[in-house]
Protein backbone atom coordinates (compact mmCIF):
# COMPACT_ATOMS: atom_id res chain seq x y z
CA MET A 1 10.19 -6.03 -25.59
CA GLY A 2 8.41 -2.47 -23.34
CA GLU A 3 9.93 0.00 -21.14
CA ARG A 4 10.97 -0.16 -17.49
CA ARG A 5 7.86 0.70 -15.70
CA THR A 6 9.08 0.80 -11.84
CA GLY A 7 8.38 4.23 -10.63
CA GLU A 8 4.82 3.58 -11.86
CA ALA A 9 4.31 -0.51 -10.59
CA ALA A 10 6.13 1.40 -7.11
CA MET A 11 3.40 3.70 -7.27
CA ALA A 12 0.14 1.85 -7.90
CA LYS A 13 2.18 -0.77 -5.12
CA LEU A 14 1.89 2.31 -2.51
CA ALA A 15 -1.37 3.89 -3.68
CA GLY A 16 -3.13 0.35 -3.68
CA SER A 17 -1.13 -0.44 0.08
CA GLU A 18 -2.29 2.71 1.38
CA ALA A 19 -5.78 2.44 0.16
CA ALA A 20 -6.84 -0.83 1.30
CA THR A 21 -5.18 -0.28 4.91
CA TYR A 22 -7.12 3.33 4.94
CA CYS A 23 -10.85 1.33 3.81
CA SER A 24 -10.18 -1.84 5.40
CA HIS A 25 -9.67 0.78 9.17
CA GLN A 26 -12.68 2.08 8.23
CA ALA A 27 -15.05 -0.69 8.38
CA ILE A 28 -13.57 -1.65 12.34
CA GLN A 29 -14.30 2.30 13.27
CA ILE A 30 -17.72 1.75 11.67
CA LEU A 31 -17.90 -1.23 13.95
CA GLY A 32 -16.47 -0.47 16.87
CA GLY A 33 -15.42 -2.94 18.79
CA MET A 34 -16.91 -5.53 16.46
CA GLY A 35 -14.84 -4.89 14.00
CA TYR A 36 -11.76 -6.67 16.65
CA VAL A 37 -13.70 -9.59 16.35
CA SER A 38 -12.33 -12.70 14.80
CA SER A 39 -15.56 -13.83 13.60
CA MET A 40 -15.83 -10.61 11.57
CA PRO A 41 -14.85 -10.17 7.78
CA ALA A 42 -13.08 -6.70 8.72
CA GLU A 43 -10.84 -7.70 11.26
CA ARG A 44 -8.62 -10.22 8.44
CA TYR A 45 -9.25 -7.58 5.28
CA TYR A 46 -7.42 -5.32 8.44
CA ARG A 47 -4.56 -7.68 8.23
CA ASP A 48 -4.53 -8.66 4.88
CA ALA A 49 -4.42 -4.29 4.82
CA ARG A 50 -1.51 -4.10 6.47
CA ILE A 51 0.20 -7.28 5.61
CA THR A 52 0.47 -5.49 1.96
CA GLU A 53 2.53 -2.52 3.27
CA ILE A 54 5.07 -5.00 4.45
CA TYR A 55 5.88 -7.86 2.51
CA GLU A 56 7.28 -7.03 -1.25
CA GLY A 57 9.28 -3.96 0.01
CA THR A 58 7.62 -2.51 2.50
CA SER A 59 5.70 1.53 2.32
CA GLU A 60 8.79 2.92 3.36
CA ILE A 61 11.00 1.07 -0.02
CA GLN A 62 8.69 2.08 -2.87
CA LYS A 63 8.43 5.79 -1.81
CA LEU A 64 12.68 5.11 -2.36
CA VAL A 65 12.06 4.00 -5.25
CA ILE A 66 9.32 6.04 -6.32
CA ALA A 67 12.10 9.50 -5.23
CA GLY A 68 14.97 7.33 -6.95
CA CYS A 69 12.99 7.33 -10.14
CA LEU A 70 11.70 11.44 -10.30
CA LEU A 71 14.92 11.72 -9.45
CA LYS A 72 16.54 10.51 -12.38
CA GLU A 73 13.94 11.68 -14.57
CA TYR A 74 14.78 15.50 -13.57
CA GLN A 75 18.47 14.83 -14.18
CA ALA A 76 17.36 13.65 -17.83
CA VAL A 77 16.19 16.68 -18.48
């Protein structure tokens, strides 16, 4: 098969979830009070983005996985 890429997968998930949260938060800031109205797509985008930081491993867990992989790489050298 192929090599395990746990660290890279954790980095991609962390970067993607943080980018989605940041962008949706900025959209709500631009829209002001209307950004929180449930009929606006920005409100749903923000809820969906925030949940990506929680399910399938929180952002903090992803950071621990990344750190562990980097330490293993460093110790191998």
